[in-house]
């Protein structure tokens, strides 16, 4: 039987900051081998994996998911500032 998914210590702070600027946040951390949160902001979608530090590595399953994902970019964030910078950056030019 699988144990409960671990929540990163900084996840609540990051999610709260994203919601304060008007982003929609769907918690997906319980999905094994995927990402922690799905963020919608200004018509764009972001997949974010939250880690507590830059030294923390993706699990093998997370790495494999990221390598094979063909949709929205997969971002690894460790802080509120990183998450906000990603969603507030201008969209890439077509």
PDB file of N, CA and C in Angstrom:
ATOM      1  N   UNK A   1       0.836  -1.182   0.000  1.00  0.00           N
ATOM      2  CA  UNK A   1       0.000   0.000   0.000  1.00  0.00           C
ATOM      3  C   UNK A   1       0.880   1.243   0.000  1.00  0.00           C
ATOM      4  N   UNK A   2       0.523   2.200  -0.782  1.00  0.00           N
ATOM      5  CA  UNK A   2       1.301   3.435  -0.931  1.00  0.00           C
ATOM      6  C   UNK A   2       1.084   4.357   0.273  1.00  0.00           C
ATOM      7  N   UNK A   3       2.169   4.992   0.719  1.00  0.00           N
ATOM      8  CA  UNK A   3       2.043   5.953   1.808  1.00  0.00           C
ATOM      9  C   UNK A   3       1.565   7.291   1.266  1.00  0.00           C
ATOM     10  N   UNK A   4       1.111   8.154   2.157  1.00  0.00           N
ATOM     11  CA  UNK A   4       0.610   9.475   1.748  1.00  0.00           C
ATOM     12  C   UNK A   4       1.734  10.287   1.114  1.00  0.00           C
ATOM     13  N   UNK A   5       1.369  11.091   0.128  1.00  0.00           N
ATOM     14  CA  UNK A   5       2.345  11.940  -0.546  1.00  0.00           C
ATOM     15  C   UNK A   5       2.883  12.984   0.423  1.00  0.00           C
ATOM     16  N   UNK A   6       4.173  13.227   0.343  1.00  0.00           N
ATOM     17  CA  UNK A   6       4.815  14.211   1.205  1.00  0.00           C
ATOM     18  C   UNK A   6       4.618  15.602   0.617  1.00  0.00           C
ATOM     19  N   UNK A   7       4.280  16.553   1.480  1.00  0.00           N
ATOM     20  CA  UNK A   7       4.097  17.937   1.048  1.00  0.00           C
ATOM     21  C   UNK A   7       5.354  18.716   1.416  1.00  0.00           C
ATOM     22  N   UNK A   8       5.921  19.428   0.448  1.00  0.00           N
ATOM     23  CA  UNK A   8       7.111  20.235   0.721  1.00  0.00           C
ATOM     24  C   UNK A   8       6.766  21.352   1.700  1.00  0.00           C
ATOM     25  N   UNK A   9       7.706  21.674   2.573  1.00  0.00           N
ATOM     26  CA  UNK A   9       7.480  22.687   3.619  1.00  0.00           C
ATOM     27  C   UNK A   9       7.071  24.039   3.057  1.00  0.00           C
ATOM     28  N   UNK A  10       7.567  24.397   1.898  1.00  0.00           N
ATOM     29  CA  UNK A  10       7.311  25.705   1.311  1.00  0.00           C
ATOM     30  C   UNK A  10       6.095  25.731   0.386  1.00  0.00           C
ATOM     31  N   UNK A  11       5.409  24.604   0.240  1.00  0.00           N
ATOM     32  CA  UNK A  11       4.289  24.536  -0.701  1.00  0.00           C
ATOM     33  C   UNK A  11       3.153  25.487  -0.329  1.00  0.00           C
ATOM     34  N   UNK A  12       2.738  25.518   0.916  1.00  0.00           N
ATOM     35  CA  UNK A  12       1.621  26.382   1.329  1.00  0.00           C
ATOM     36  C   UNK A  12       1.934  27.852   1.060  1.00  0.00           C
ATOM     37  N   UNK A  13       3.155  28.258   1.328  1.00  0.00           N
ATOM     38  CA  UNK A  13       3.560  29.651   1.109  1.00  0.00           C
ATOM     39  C   UNK A  13       3.524  30.004  -0.387  1.00  0.00           C
ATOM     40  N   UNK A  14       4.015  29.115  -1.218  1.00  0.00           N
ATOM     41  CA  UNK A  14       4.034  29.351  -2.663  1.00  0.00           C
ATOM     42  C   UNK A  14       2.615  29.390  -3.216  1.00  0.00           C
ATOM     43  N   UNK A  15       1.787  28.434  -2.823  1.00  0.00           N
ATOM     44  CA  UNK A  15       0.396  28.393  -3.290  1.00  0.00           C
ATOM     45  C   UNK A  15      -0.353  29.648  -2.850  1.00  0.00           C
ATOM     46  N   UNK A  16      -0.171  30.049  -1.618  1.00  0.00           N
ATOM     47  CA  UNK A  16      -0.839  31.249  -1.101  1.00  0.00           C
ATOM     48  C   UNK A  16      -0.443  32.491  -1.893  1.00  0.00           C
ATOM     49  N   UNK A  17       0.834  32.647  -2.191  1.00  0.00           N
ATOM     50  CA  UNK A  17       1.314  33.813  -2.951  1.00  0.00           C
ATOM     51  C   UNK A  17       0.735  33.823  -4.356  1.00  0.00           C
ATOM     52  N   UNK A  18       0.666  32.672  -4.993  1.00  0.00           N
ATOM     53  CA  UNK A  18       0.095  32.591  -6.335  1.00  0.00           C
ATOM     54  C   UNK A  18      -1.382  32.963  -6.318  1.00  0.00           C
ATOM     55  N   UNK A  19      -2.103  32.478  -5.329  1.00  0.00           N
ATOM     56  CA  UNK A  19      -3.530  32.794  -5.231  1.00  0.00           C
ATOM     57  C   UNK A  19      -3.756  34.273  -4.926  1.00  0.00           C
ATOM     58  N   UNK A  20      -2.868  34.878  -4.157  1.00  0.00           N
ATOM     59  CA  UNK A  20      -3.002  36.317  -3.833  1.00  0.00           C
ATOM     60  C   UNK A  20      -2.913  37.195  -5.082  1.00  0.00           C
ATOM     61  N   UNK A  21      -2.168  36.760  -6.098  1.00  0.00           N
ATOM     62  CA  UNK A  21      -2.085  37.579  -7.319  1.00  0.00           C
ATOM     63  C   UNK A  21      -3.198  37.235  -8.308  1.00  0.00           C
ATOM     64  N   UNK A  22      -4.068  36.301  -7.933  1.00  0.00           N
ATOM     65  CA  UNK A  22      -5.204  35.953  -8.781  1.00  0.00           C
ATOM     66  C   UNK A  22      -5.062  34.683  -9.588  1.00  0.00           C
ATOM     67  N   UNK A  23      -4.026  33.911  -9.327  1.00  0.00           N
ATOM     68  CA  UNK A  23      -3.825  32.655 -10.055  1.00  0.00           C
ATOM     69  C   UNK A  23      -4.753  31.572  -9.505  1.00  0.00           C
ATOM     70  N   UNK A  24      -5.168  30.676 -10.379  1.00  0.00           N
ATOM     71  CA  UNK A  24      -5.872  29.465  -9.961  1.00  0.00           C
ATOM     72  C   UNK A  24      -4.807  28.413  -9.696  1.00  0.00           C
ATOM     73  N   UNK A  25      -4.962  27.682  -8.604  1.00  0.00           N
ATOM     74  CA  UNK A  25      -3.973  26.659  -8.270  1.00  0.00           C
ATOM     75  C   UNK A  25      -4.696  25.355  -7.943  1.00  0.00           C
ATOM     76  N   UNK A  26      -4.346  24.303  -8.655  1.00  0.00           N
ATOM     77  CA  UNK A  26      -4.875  22.973  -8.395  1.00  0.00           C
ATOM     78  C   UNK A  26      -3.756  22.141  -7.787  1.00  0.00           C
ATOM     79  N   UNK A  27      -4.009  21.604  -6.610  1.00  0.00           N
ATOM     80  CA  UNK A  27      -3.014  20.786  -5.925  1.00  0.00           C
ATOM     81  C   UNK A  27      -3.004  19.391  -6.551  1.00  0.00           C
ATOM     82  N   UNK A  28      -1.871  18.977  -7.072  1.00  0.00           N
ATOM     83  CA  UNK A  28      -1.754  17.672  -7.723  1.00  0.00           C
ATOM     84  C   UNK A  28      -0.629  16.838  -7.121  1.00  0.00           C
ATOM     85  N   UNK A  29      -0.106  17.264  -5.977  1.00  0.00           N
ATOM     86  CA  UNK A  29       1.066  16.598  -5.387  1.00  0.00           C
ATOM     87  C   UNK A  29       0.805  15.128  -5.073  1.00  0.00           C
ATOM     88  N   UNK A  30      -0.461  14.721  -4.972  1.00  0.00           N
ATOM     89  CA  UNK A  30      -0.759  13.320  -4.673  1.00  0.00           C
ATOM     90  C   UNK A  30      -0.654  12.416  -5.907  1.00  0.00           C
ATOM     91  N   UNK A  31      -0.518  13.030  -7.087  1.00  0.00           N
ATOM     92  CA  UNK A  31      -0.314  12.228  -8.294  1.00  0.00           C
ATOM     93  C   UNK A  31       1.129  11.742  -8.313  1.00  0.00           C
ATOM     94  N   UNK A  32       1.312  10.471  -8.279  1.00  0.00           N
ATOM     95  CA  UNK A  32       2.664   9.912  -8.255  1.00  0.00           C
ATOM     96  C   UNK A  32       3.367  10.175  -9.593  1.00  0.00           C
ATOM     97  N   UNK A  33       4.620  10.584  -9.514  1.00  0.00           N
ATOM     98  CA  UNK A  33       5.470  10.754 -10.697  1.00  0.00           C
ATOM     99  C   UNK A  33       4.972  11.826 -11.655  1.00  0.00           C
ATOM    100  N   UNK A  34       4.489  12.947 -11.135  1.00  0.00           N
ATOM    101  CA  UNK A  34       3.984  14.009 -12.009  1.00  0.00           C
ATOM    102  C   UNK A  34       4.554  15.354 -11.563  1.00  0.00           C
ATOM    103  N   UNK A  35       3.732  16.195 -10.940  1.00  0.00           N
ATOM    104  CA  UNK A  35       4.136  17.526 -10.492  1.00  0.00           C
ATOM    105  C   UNK A  35       3.249  17.899  -9.316  1.00  0.00           C
ATOM    106  N   UNK A  36       3.606  18.965  -8.592  1.00  0.00           N
ATOM    107  CA  UNK A  36       2.886  19.305  -7.366  1.00  0.00           C
ATOM    108  C   UNK A  36       1.669  20.193  -7.561  1.00  0.00           C
ATOM    109  N   UNK A  37       1.779  21.193  -8.429  1.00  0.00           N
ATOM    110  CA  UNK A  37       0.654  22.113  -8.622  1.00  0.00           C
ATOM    111  C   UNK A  37       0.489  22.470 -10.096  1.00  0.00           C
ATOM    112  N   UNK A  38      -0.765  22.693 -10.466  1.00  0.00           N
ATOM    113  CA  UNK A  38      -1.129  23.167 -11.792  1.00  0.00           C
ATOM    114  C   UNK A  38      -1.632  24.591 -11.595  1.00  0.00           C
ATOM    115  N   UNK A  39      -1.018  25.542 -12.291  1.00  0.00           N
ATOM    116  CA  UNK A  39      -1.315  26.960 -12.077  1.00  0.00           C
ATOM    117  C   UNK A  39      -1.879  27.575 -13.355  1.00  0.00           C
ATOM    118  N   UNK A  40      -2.977  28.296 -13.214  1.00  0.00           N
ATOM    119  CA  UNK A  40      -3.551  29.040 -14.323  1.00  0.00           C
ATOM    120  C   UNK A  40      -3.481  30.524 -14.018  1.00  0.00           C
ATOM    121  N   UNK A  41      -2.927  31.310 -14.937  1.00  0.00           N
ATOM    122  CA  UNK A  41      -2.794  32.749 -14.705  1.00  0.00           C
ATOM    123  C   UNK A  41      -2.763  33.473 -16.038  1.00  0.00           C
ATOM    124  N   UNK A  42      -3.666  34.436 -16.181  1.00  0.00           N
ATOM    125  CA  UNK A  42      -3.751  35.256 -17.392  1.00  0.00           C
ATOM    126  C   UNK A  42      -3.813  34.420 -18.665  1.00  0.00           C
ATOM    127  N   UNK A  43      -4.637  33.378 -18.637  1.00  0.00           N
ATOM    128  CA  UNK A  43      -4.849  32.558 -19.815  1.00  0.00           C
ATOM    129  C   UNK A  43      -3.754  31.561 -20.128  1.00  0.00           C
ATOM    130  N   UNK A  44      -2.816  31.398 -19.220  1.00  0.00           N
ATOM    131  CA  UNK A  44      -1.703  30.464 -19.439  1.00  0.00           C
ATOM    132  C   UNK A  44      -1.719  29.399 -18.348  1.00  0.00           C
ATOM    133  N   UNK A  45      -1.124  28.263 -18.632  1.00  0.00           N
ATOM    134  CA  UNK A  45      -1.072  27.150 -17.688  1.00  0.00           C
ATOM    135  C   UNK A  45       0.384  26.791 -17.411  1.00  0.00           C
ATOM    136  N   UNK A  46       0.660  26.514 -16.139  1.00  0.00           N
ATOM    137  CA  UNK A  46       2.023  26.197 -15.707  1.00  0.00           C
ATOM    138  C   UNK A  46       2.003  24.936 -14.849  1.00  0.00           C
ATOM    139  N   UNK A  47       2.891  24.006 -15.109  1.00  0.00           N
ATOM    140  CA  UNK A  47       3.087  22.840 -14.259  1.00  0.00           C
ATOM    141  C   UNK A  47       4.272  23.158 -13.366  1.00  0.00           C
ATOM    142  N   UNK A  48       4.092  22.997 -12.063  1.00  0.00           N
ATOM    143  CA  UNK A  48       5.183  23.309 -11.139  1.00  0.00           C
ATOM    144  C   UNK A  48       5.435  22.167 -10.163  1.00  0.00           C
ATOM    145  N   UNK A  49       6.681  21.806 -10.078  1.00  0.00           N
ATOM    146  CA  UNK A  49       7.160  20.882  -9.056  1.00  0.00           C
ATOM    147  C   UNK A  49       7.837  21.740  -8.002  1.00  0.00           C
ATOM    148  N   UNK A  50       7.429  21.584  -6.756  1.00  0.00           N
ATOM    149  CA  UNK A  50       7.989  22.376  -5.665  1.00  0.00           C
ATOM    150  C   UNK A  50       9.030  21.542  -4.928  1.00  0.00           C
ATOM    151  N   UNK A  51      10.191  22.119  -4.756  1.00  0.00           N
ATOM    152  CA  UNK A  51      11.266  21.502  -3.983  1.00  0.00           C
ATOM    153  C   UNK A  51      11.662  22.476  -2.881  1.00  0.00           C
ATOM    154  N   UNK A  52      12.206  21.954  -1.792  1.00  0.00           N
ATOM    155  CA  UNK A  52      12.559  22.817  -0.670  1.00  0.00           C
ATOM    156  C   UNK A  52      13.888  23.537  -0.880  1.00  0.00           C
ATOM    157  N   UNK A  53      14.725  23.022  -1.774  1.00  0.00           N
ATOM    158  CA  UNK A  53      15.993  23.693  -2.071  1.00  0.00           C
ATOM    159  C   UNK A  53      16.437  23.319  -3.482  1.00  0.00           C
ATOM    160  N   UNK A  54      17.350  24.101  -4.003  1.00  0.00           N
ATOM    161  CA  UNK A  54      17.876  23.829  -5.345  1.00  0.00           C
ATOM    162  C   UNK A  54      18.679  22.528  -5.380  1.00  0.00           C
ATOM    163  N   UNK A  55      19.127  22.072  -4.223  1.00  0.00           N
ATOM    164  CA  UNK A  55      19.909  20.836  -4.157  1.00  0.00           C
ATOM    165  C   UNK A  55      19.029  19.594  -4.228  1.00  0.00           C
ATOM    166  N   UNK A  56      17.739  19.753  -3.917  1.00  0.00           N
ATOM    167  CA  UNK A  56      16.825  18.613  -3.952  1.00  0.00           C
ATOM    168  C   UNK A  56      16.546  18.215  -5.401  1.00  0.00           C
ATOM    169  N   UNK A  57      16.736  16.968  -5.703  1.00  0.00           N
ATOM    170  CA  UNK A  57      16.596  16.459  -7.073  1.00  0.00           C
ATOM    171  C   UNK A  57      15.169  15.965  -7.327  1.00  0.00           C
ATOM    172  N   UNK A  58      14.802  15.931  -8.613  1.00  0.00           N
ATOM    173  CA  UNK A  58      13.549  15.294  -9.001  1.00  0.00           C
ATOM    174  C   UNK A  58      13.661  13.802  -8.744  1.00  0.00           C
ATOM    175  N   UNK A  59      12.534  13.181  -8.388  1.00  0.00           N
ATOM    176  CA  UNK A  59      12.546  11.729  -8.285  1.00  0.00           C
ATOM    177  C   UNK A  59      12.678  11.170  -9.706  1.00  0.00           C
ATOM    178  N   UNK A  60      12.974   9.911  -9.810  1.00  0.00           N
ATOM    179  CA  UNK A  60      13.100   9.288 -11.127  1.00  0.00           C
ATOM    180  C   UNK A  60      11.783   9.413 -11.897  1.00  0.00           C
ATOM    181  N   UNK A  61      10.660   9.223 -11.209  1.00  0.00           N
ATOM    182  CA  UNK A  61       9.357   9.344 -11.860  1.00  0.00           C
ATOM    183  C   UNK A  61       9.077  10.757 -12.327  1.00  0.00           C
ATOM    184  N   UNK A  62       9.403  11.762 -11.502  1.00  0.00           N
ATOM    185  CA  UNK A  62       9.219  13.168 -11.887  1.00  0.00           C
ATOM    186  C   UNK A  62      10.109  13.521 -13.077  1.00  0.00           C
ATOM    187  N   UNK A  63      11.344  13.046 -13.035  1.00  0.00           N
ATOM    188  CA  UNK A  63      12.281  13.304 -14.130  1.00  0.00           C
ATOM    189  C   UNK A  63      11.750  12.715 -15.425  1.00  0.00           C
ATOM    190  N   UNK A  64      11.252  11.488 -15.371  1.00  0.00           N
ATOM    191  CA  UNK A  64      10.726  10.812 -16.557  1.00  0.00           C
ATOM    192  C   UNK A  64       9.491  11.546 -17.088  1.00  0.00           C
ATOM    193  N   UNK A  65       8.593  11.963 -16.193  1.00  0.00           N
ATOM    194  CA  UNK A  65       7.409  12.713 -16.616  1.00  0.00           C
ATOM    195  C   UNK A  65       7.828  13.987 -17.331  1.00  0.00           C
ATOM    196  N   UNK A  66       8.745  14.735 -16.735  1.00  0.00           N
ATOM    197  CA  UNK A  66       9.208  16.004 -17.320  1.00  0.00           C
ATOM    198  C   UNK A  66       9.838  15.776 -18.691  1.00  0.00           C
ATOM    199  N   UNK A  67      10.621  14.728 -18.813  1.00  0.00           N
ATOM    200  CA  UNK A  67      11.321  14.445 -20.074  1.00  0.00           C
ATOM    201  C   UNK A  67      10.362  14.097 -21.212  1.00  0.00           C
ATOM    202  N   UNK A  68       9.219  13.519 -20.874  1.00  0.00           N
ATOM    203  CA  UNK A  68       8.288  13.067 -21.902  1.00  0.00           C
ATOM    204  C   UNK A  68       7.056  13.950 -22.061  1.00  0.00           C
ATOM    205  N   UNK A  69       6.906  14.972 -21.239  1.00  0.00           N
ATOM    206  CA  UNK A  69       5.741  15.857 -21.314  1.00  0.00           C
ATOM    207  C   UNK A  69       5.851  16.752 -22.540  1.00  0.00           C
ATOM    208  N   UNK A  70       4.796  16.852 -23.328  1.00  0.00           N
ATOM    209  CA  UNK A  70       4.800  17.632 -24.559  1.00  0.00           C
ATOM    210  C   UNK A  70       3.838  18.815 -24.508  1.00  0.00           C
ATOM    211  N   UNK A  71       3.427  19.202 -23.314  1.00  0.00           N
ATOM    212  CA  UNK A  71       2.504  20.324 -23.164  1.00  0.00           C
ATOM    213  C   UNK A  71       3.189  21.523 -22.556  1.00  0.00           C
ATOM    214  N   UNK A  72       2.478  22.201 -21.681  1.00  0.00           N
ATOM    215  CA  UNK A  72       3.002  23.389 -21.004  1.00  0.00           C
ATOM    216  C   UNK A  72       4.340  23.083 -20.349  1.00  0.00           C
ATOM    217  N   UNK A  73       5.224  24.079 -20.269  1.00  0.00           N
ATOM    218  CA  UNK A  73       6.521  23.849 -19.628  1.00  0.00           C
ATOM    219  C   UNK A  73       6.382  23.360 -18.181  1.00  0.00           C
ATOM    220  N   UNK A  74       7.309  22.543 -17.772  1.00  0.00           N
ATOM    221  CA  UNK A  74       7.369  21.963 -16.430  1.00  0.00           C
ATOM    222  C   UNK A  74       8.442  22.720 -15.671  1.00  0.00           C
ATOM    223  N   UNK A  75       8.044  23.413 -14.626  1.00  0.00           N
ATOM    224  CA  UNK A  75       8.969  24.251 -13.861  1.00  0.00           C
ATOM    225  C   UNK A  75       9.237  23.643 -12.492  1.00  0.00           C
ATOM    226  N   UNK A  76      10.475  23.727 -12.050  1.00  0.00           N
ATOM    227  CA  UNK A  76      10.834  23.333 -10.695  1.00  0.00           C
ATOM    228  C   UNK A  76      11.106  24.623  -9.935  1.00  0.00           C
ATOM    229  N   UNK A  77      10.370  24.838  -8.835  1.00  0.00           N
ATOM    230  CA  UNK A  77      10.517  26.062  -8.059  1.00  0.00           C
ATOM    231  C   UNK A  77      10.833  25.734  -6.606  1.00  0.00           C
ATOM    232  N   UNK A  78      11.574  26.645  -5.977  1.00  0.00           N
ATOM    233  CA  UNK A  78      11.924  26.462  -4.568  1.00  0.00           C
ATOM    234  C   UNK A  78      11.467  27.627  -3.701  1.00  0.00           C
ATOM    235  N   UNK A  79      10.914  28.669  -4.336  1.00  0.00           N
ATOM    236  CA  UNK A  79      10.527  29.850  -3.554  1.00  0.00           C
ATOM    237  C   UNK A  79       9.353  30.582  -4.184  1.00  0.00           C
ATOM    238  N   UNK A  80       8.751  31.446  -3.392  1.00  0.00           N
ATOM    239  CA  UNK A  80       7.682  32.313  -3.878  1.00  0.00           C
ATOM    240  C   UNK A  80       8.192  33.161  -5.033  1.00  0.00           C
ATOM    241  N   UNK A  81       9.354  33.761  -4.874  1.00  0.00           N
ATOM    242  CA  UNK A  81       9.907  34.631  -5.918  1.00  0.00           C
ATOM    243  C   UNK A  81      10.051  33.898  -7.252  1.00  0.00           C
ATOM    244  N   UNK A  82      10.536  32.660  -7.225  1.00  0.00           N
ATOM    245  CA  UNK A  82      10.676  31.887  -8.465  1.00  0.00           C
ATOM    246  C   UNK A  82       9.318  31.619  -9.102  1.00  0.00           C
ATOM    247  N   UNK A  83       8.354  31.212  -8.303  1.00  0.00           N
ATOM    248  CA  UNK A  83       7.022  30.906  -8.838  1.00  0.00           C
ATOM    249  C   UNK A  83       6.375  32.146  -9.448  1.00  0.00           C
ATOM    250  N   UNK A  84       6.457  33.276  -8.744  1.00  0.00           N
ATOM    251  CA  UNK A  84       5.861  34.513  -9.255  1.00  0.00           C
ATOM    252  C   UNK A  84       6.572  34.993 -10.513  1.00  0.00           C
ATOM    253  N   UNK A  85       7.881  34.857 -10.567  1.00  0.00           N
ATOM    254  CA  UNK A  85       8.632  35.269 -11.761  1.00  0.00           C
ATOM    255  C   UNK A  85       8.204  34.463 -12.980  1.00  0.00           C
ATOM    256  N   UNK A  86       7.920  33.193 -12.789  1.00  0.00           N
ATOM    257  CA  UNK A  86       7.507  32.341 -13.901  1.00  0.00           C
ATOM    258  C   UNK A  86       6.140  32.758 -14.422  1.00  0.00           C
ATOM    259  N   UNK A  87       5.167  32.907 -13.535  1.00  0.00           N
ATOM    260  CA  UNK A  87       3.806  33.221 -14.011  1.00  0.00           C
ATOM    261  C   UNK A  87       3.663  34.649 -14.482  1.00  0.00           C
ATOM    262  N   UNK A  88       4.492  35.564 -13.978  1.00  0.00           N
ATOM    263  CA  UNK A  88       4.388  36.973 -14.353  1.00  0.00           C
ATOM    264  C   UNK A  88       5.256  37.343 -15.562  1.00  0.00           C
ATOM    265  N   UNK A  89       6.104  36.438 -15.994  1.00  0.00           N
ATOM    266  CA  UNK A  89       6.953  36.709 -17.167  1.00  0.00           C
ATOM    267  C   UNK A  89       6.070  36.829 -18.404  1.00  0.00           C
ATOM    268  N   UNK A  90       6.451  37.700 -19.334  1.00  0.00           N
ATOM    269  CA  UNK A  90       5.660  37.790 -20.560  1.00  0.00           C
ATOM    270  C   UNK A  90       5.679  36.472 -21.324  1.00  0.00           C
ATOM    271  N   UNK A  91       4.593  36.155 -22.014  1.00  0.00           N
ATOM    272  CA  UNK A  91       4.582  34.905 -22.777  1.00  0.00           C
ATOM    273  C   UNK A  91       5.602  34.950 -23.904  1.00  0.00           C
ATOM    274  N   UNK A  92       6.114  33.786 -24.297  1.00  0.00           N
ATOM    275  CA  UNK A  92       7.075  33.772 -25.407  1.00  0.00           C
ATOM    276  C   UNK A  92       6.410  34.223 -26.704  1.00  0.00           C
ATOM    277  N   UNK A  93       7.189  34.815 -27.567  1.00  0.00           N
ATOM    278  CA  UNK A  93       6.676  35.244 -28.862  1.00  0.00           C
ATOM    279  C   UNK A  93       6.407  34.022 -29.733  1.00  0.00           C
ATOM    280  N   UNK A  94       5.366  34.077 -30.561  1.00  0.00           N
ATOM    281  CA  UNK A  94       5.048  32.911 -31.421  1.00  0.00           C
ATOM    282  C   UNK A  94       6.109  32.663 -32.473  1.00  0.00           C
TER     283      UNK A  94
END
